[in-house]
Amino acid sequence: MRIRKRVIVIVSAAVIVLLWALSFLSPEWTIRRHILEHLQPINSLKAEISTLGKVDPEYGYLYNVDGLMDTTTGDELGAV
């Protein structure tokens, strides 16, 4: 049983690491990962992410995020 439990833990950890690594492949996934890392798991799933169709020379493509809340002020943040 100890070996089976160890295998389950290793496989679970590998899946989590793989999903984290895959989040770098898409801008939308990267924004959702950023929201999740700031301890807002519900907002990371509910946020509506849309492209603004603009390319900033310094920051690159711009995206609008509806549903991203600032934890200190409670205000909604829009453009990321």
N, C-alpha and C. Protein backbone atom coordinates (compact mmCIF):
# COMPACT_ATOMS: atom_id res chain seq x y z
N MET A 1 0.81 -1.20 0.00
CA MET A 1 0.00 0.00 0.00
C MET A 1 0.85 1.27 0.00
N ARG A 2 2.01 1.23 0.62
CA ARG A 2 2.86 2.42 0.67
C ARG A 2 3.34 2.80 -0.71
N ILE A 3 3.65 1.80 -1.54
CA ILE A 3 4.11 2.07 -2.89
C ILE A 3 2.99 2.67 -3.72
N ARG A 4 1.79 2.15 -3.57
CA ARG A 4 0.64 2.66 -4.32
C ARG A 4 0.36 4.12 -3.95
N LYS A 5 0.44 4.44 -2.67
CA LYS A 5 0.22 5.82 -2.22
C LYS A 5 1.29 6.75 -2.77
N ARG A 6 2.52 6.29 -2.79
CA ARG A 6 3.63 7.08 -3.31
C ARG A 6 3.44 7.35 -4.80
N VAL A 7 2.99 6.35 -5.55
CA VAL A 7 2.76 6.50 -6.98
C VAL A 7 1.65 7.51 -7.23
N ILE A 8 0.60 7.45 -6.45
CA ILE A 8 -0.52 8.39 -6.60
C ILE A 8 -0.05 9.82 -6.34
N VAL A 9 0.76 10.02 -5.32
CA VAL A 9 1.27 11.35 -5.01
C VAL A 9 2.18 11.85 -6.13
N ILE A 10 3.05 11.01 -6.64
CA ILE A 10 3.97 11.41 -7.71
C ILE A 10 3.21 11.74 -8.99
N VAL A 11 2.23 10.94 -9.35
CA VAL A 11 1.44 11.18 -10.55
C VAL A 11 0.63 12.47 -10.40
N SER A 12 0.05 12.68 -9.24
CA SER A 12 -0.72 13.91 -8.99
C SER A 12 0.17 15.15 -9.10
N ALA A 13 1.35 15.08 -8.52
CA ALA A 13 2.28 16.20 -8.60
C ALA A 13 2.72 16.45 -10.05
N ALA A 14 2.94 15.39 -10.81
CA ALA A 14 3.33 15.53 -12.21
C ALA A 14 2.22 16.18 -13.03
N VAL A 15 0.98 15.82 -12.77
CA VAL A 15 -0.15 16.42 -13.49
C VAL A 15 -0.26 17.90 -13.17
N ILE A 16 -0.09 18.26 -11.91
CA ILE A 16 -0.16 19.67 -11.52
C ILE A 16 0.94 20.48 -12.18
N VAL A 17 2.15 19.95 -12.20
CA VAL A 17 3.28 20.64 -12.84
C VAL A 17 3.04 20.76 -14.34
N LEU A 18 2.51 19.73 -14.96
CA LEU A 18 2.23 19.76 -16.39
C LEU A 18 1.17 20.80 -16.72
N LEU A 19 0.11 20.87 -15.94
CA LEU A 19 -0.93 21.88 -16.18
C LEU A 19 -0.39 23.29 -15.98
N TRP A 20 0.47 23.46 -14.99
CA TRP A 20 1.09 24.76 -14.76
C TRP A 20 1.96 25.15 -15.95
N ALA A 21 2.73 24.22 -16.48
CA ALA A 21 3.60 24.50 -17.63
C ALA A 21 2.78 24.80 -18.87
N LEU A 22 1.65 24.13 -19.05
CA LEU A 22 0.80 24.38 -20.22
C LEU A 22 0.15 25.75 -20.17
N SER A 23 0.03 26.33 -19.00
CA SER A 23 -0.61 27.63 -18.88
C SER A 23 0.20 28.75 -19.54
N PHE A 24 1.45 28.49 -19.88
CA PHE A 24 2.28 29.49 -20.53
C PHE A 24 2.07 29.54 -22.04
N LEU A 25 1.30 28.61 -22.60
CA LEU A 25 1.14 28.51 -24.05
C LEU A 25 0.10 29.47 -24.61
N SER A 26 -0.79 29.98 -23.80
CA SER A 26 -1.86 30.84 -24.28
C SER A 26 -1.92 32.10 -23.42
N PRO A 27 -2.14 33.27 -24.04
CA PRO A 27 -2.26 34.49 -23.23
C PRO A 27 -3.44 34.42 -22.25
N GLU A 28 -4.55 33.83 -22.68
CA GLU A 28 -5.71 33.72 -21.79
C GLU A 28 -5.39 32.83 -20.60
N TRP A 29 -4.74 31.72 -20.83
CA TRP A 29 -4.37 30.83 -19.73
C TRP A 29 -3.38 31.51 -18.78
N THR A 30 -2.47 32.31 -19.35
CA THR A 30 -1.49 33.01 -18.52
C THR A 30 -2.18 34.02 -17.61
N ILE A 31 -3.17 34.73 -18.14
CA ILE A 31 -3.91 35.70 -17.32
C ILE A 31 -4.69 34.97 -16.24
N ARG A 32 -5.33 33.85 -16.59
CA ARG A 32 -6.08 33.08 -15.60
C ARG A 32 -5.14 32.53 -14.51
N ARG A 33 -3.94 32.09 -14.89
CA ARG A 33 -2.96 31.60 -13.91
C ARG A 33 -2.55 32.73 -12.97
N HIS A 34 -2.36 33.93 -13.54
CA HIS A 34 -1.99 35.09 -12.72
C HIS A 34 -3.08 35.40 -11.70
N ILE A 35 -4.35 35.35 -12.13
CA ILE A 35 -5.46 35.60 -11.21
C ILE A 35 -5.49 34.52 -10.12
N LEU A 36 -5.27 33.27 -10.52
CA LEU A 36 -5.27 32.16 -9.57
C LEU A 36 -4.13 32.29 -8.57
N GLU A 37 -2.96 32.73 -9.02
CA GLU A 37 -1.81 32.89 -8.13
C GLU A 37 -2.04 34.01 -7.11
N HIS A 38 -2.95 34.93 -7.40
CA HIS A 38 -3.28 36.00 -6.45
C HIS A 38 -4.49 35.61 -5.60
N LEU A 39 -4.67 34.29 -5.42
CA LEU A 39 -5.65 33.70 -4.50
C LEU A 39 -7.09 34.12 -4.81
N GLN A 40 -7.43 34.11 -6.11
CA GLN A 40 -8.79 34.38 -6.53
C GLN A 40 -9.25 33.24 -7.46
N PRO A 41 -9.43 32.04 -6.93
CA PRO A 41 -9.74 30.89 -7.80
C PRO A 41 -11.08 31.01 -8.52
N ILE A 42 -12.08 31.56 -7.87
CA ILE A 42 -13.39 31.70 -8.52
C ILE A 42 -13.30 32.73 -9.64
N ASN A 43 -12.62 33.85 -9.38
CA ASN A 43 -12.47 34.88 -10.41
C ASN A 43 -11.64 34.38 -11.58
N SER A 44 -10.70 33.48 -11.34
CA SER A 44 -9.89 32.96 -12.45
C SER A 44 -10.73 32.13 -13.40
N LEU A 45 -11.81 31.54 -12.90
CA LEU A 45 -12.70 30.77 -13.77
C LEU A 45 -13.79 31.63 -14.39
N LYS A 46 -14.24 32.66 -13.68
CA LYS A 46 -15.36 33.47 -14.15
C LYS A 46 -14.93 34.67 -14.99
N ALA A 47 -13.69 35.06 -14.95
CA ALA A 47 -13.23 36.27 -15.66
C ALA A 47 -13.42 36.12 -17.17
N GLU A 48 -13.91 37.19 -17.78
CA GLU A 48 -14.06 37.23 -19.22
C GLU A 48 -12.86 37.97 -19.80
N ILE A 49 -12.10 37.31 -20.64
CA ILE A 49 -10.88 37.87 -21.20
C ILE A 49 -11.09 38.08 -22.69
N SER A 50 -10.87 39.32 -23.14
CA SER A 50 -11.02 39.62 -24.56
C SER A 50 -9.84 40.48 -25.01
N THR A 51 -9.47 40.32 -26.25
CA THR A 51 -8.37 41.10 -26.79
C THR A 51 -8.87 42.48 -27.20
N LEU A 52 -8.04 43.49 -27.01
CA LEU A 52 -8.41 44.84 -27.38
C LEU A 52 -8.06 45.14 -28.83
N GLY A 53 -7.31 44.27 -29.46
CA GLY A 53 -6.93 44.48 -30.85
C GLY A 53 -5.84 45.53 -31.02
N LYS A 54 -5.17 45.87 -29.94
CA LYS A 54 -4.10 46.87 -29.98
C LYS A 54 -2.79 46.22 -29.57
N VAL A 55 -1.71 46.70 -30.18
CA VAL A 55 -0.38 46.22 -29.83
C VAL A 55 0.42 47.41 -29.32
N ASP A 56 0.78 47.36 -28.06
CA ASP A 56 1.59 48.40 -27.45
C ASP A 56 3.06 48.09 -27.74
N PRO A 57 3.84 49.10 -28.14
CA PRO A 57 5.26 48.82 -28.45
C PRO A 57 6.05 48.32 -27.25
N GLU A 58 5.65 48.69 -26.04
CA GLU A 58 6.38 48.27 -24.85
C GLU A 58 5.84 46.98 -24.26
N TYR A 59 4.50 46.82 -24.21
CA TYR A 59 3.88 45.69 -23.52
C TYR A 59 3.36 44.60 -24.44
N GLY A 60 3.25 44.85 -25.72
CA GLY A 60 2.73 43.85 -26.64
C GLY A 60 1.22 43.91 -26.76
N TYR A 61 0.58 42.77 -27.01
CA TYR A 61 -0.87 42.72 -27.16
C TYR A 61 -1.55 43.07 -25.84
N LEU A 62 -2.65 43.82 -25.93
CA LEU A 62 -3.39 44.23 -24.74
C LEU A 62 -4.70 43.44 -24.66
N TYR A 63 -5.08 43.09 -23.44
CA TYR A 63 -6.29 42.30 -23.19
C TYR A 63 -7.14 43.00 -22.16
N ASN A 64 -8.46 42.87 -22.29
CA ASN A 64 -9.40 43.39 -21.31
C ASN A 64 -9.90 42.21 -20.47
N VAL A 65 -9.84 42.37 -19.15
CA VAL A 65 -10.25 41.31 -18.24
C VAL A 65 -11.40 41.82 -17.39
N ASP A 66 -12.59 41.27 -17.59
CA ASP A 66 -13.75 41.60 -16.77
C ASP A 66 -13.86 40.56 -15.67
N GLY A 67 -13.86 41.02 -14.43
CA GLY A 67 -13.99 40.10 -13.30
C GLY A 67 -12.74 40.01 -12.45
N LEU A 68 -11.70 40.76 -12.78
CA LEU A 68 -10.47 40.75 -11.98
C LEU A 68 -10.61 41.81 -10.88
N MET A 69 -10.58 41.36 -9.64
CA MET A 69 -10.78 42.25 -8.50
C MET A 69 -9.46 42.52 -7.78
N ASP A 70 -9.27 43.78 -7.38
CA ASP A 70 -8.13 44.15 -6.56
C ASP A 70 -8.45 43.79 -5.12
N THR A 71 -7.61 42.98 -4.50
CA THR A 71 -7.91 42.48 -3.15
C THR A 71 -7.82 43.56 -2.09
N THR A 72 -6.99 44.58 -2.30
CA THR A 72 -6.84 45.61 -1.27
C THR A 72 -7.96 46.63 -1.29
N THR A 73 -8.41 47.03 -2.49
CA THR A 73 -9.44 48.06 -2.59
C THR A 73 -10.82 47.50 -2.88
N GLY A 74 -10.89 46.30 -3.46
CA GLY A 74 -12.17 45.72 -3.83
C GLY A 74 -12.70 46.23 -5.14
N ASP A 75 -11.92 47.05 -5.84
CA ASP A 75 -12.32 47.58 -7.14
C ASP A 75 -12.00 46.59 -8.25
N GLU A 76 -12.75 46.69 -9.34
CA GLU A 76 -12.49 45.83 -10.48
C GLU A 76 -11.41 46.45 -11.35
N LEU A 77 -10.44 45.63 -11.74
CA LEU A 77 -9.38 46.07 -12.63
C LEU A 77 -9.72 45.59 -14.03
N GLY A 78 -9.45 46.39 -15.04
CA GLY A 78 -9.88 46.03 -16.38
C GLY A 78 -8.77 45.58 -17.31
N ALA A 79 -7.96 46.49 -17.76
CA ALA A 79 -6.97 46.17 -18.80
C ALA A 79 -5.73 45.52 -18.18
N VAL A 80 -5.30 44.44 -18.81
CA VAL A 80 -4.07 43.76 -18.38
C VAL A 80 -3.16 43.69 -19.57
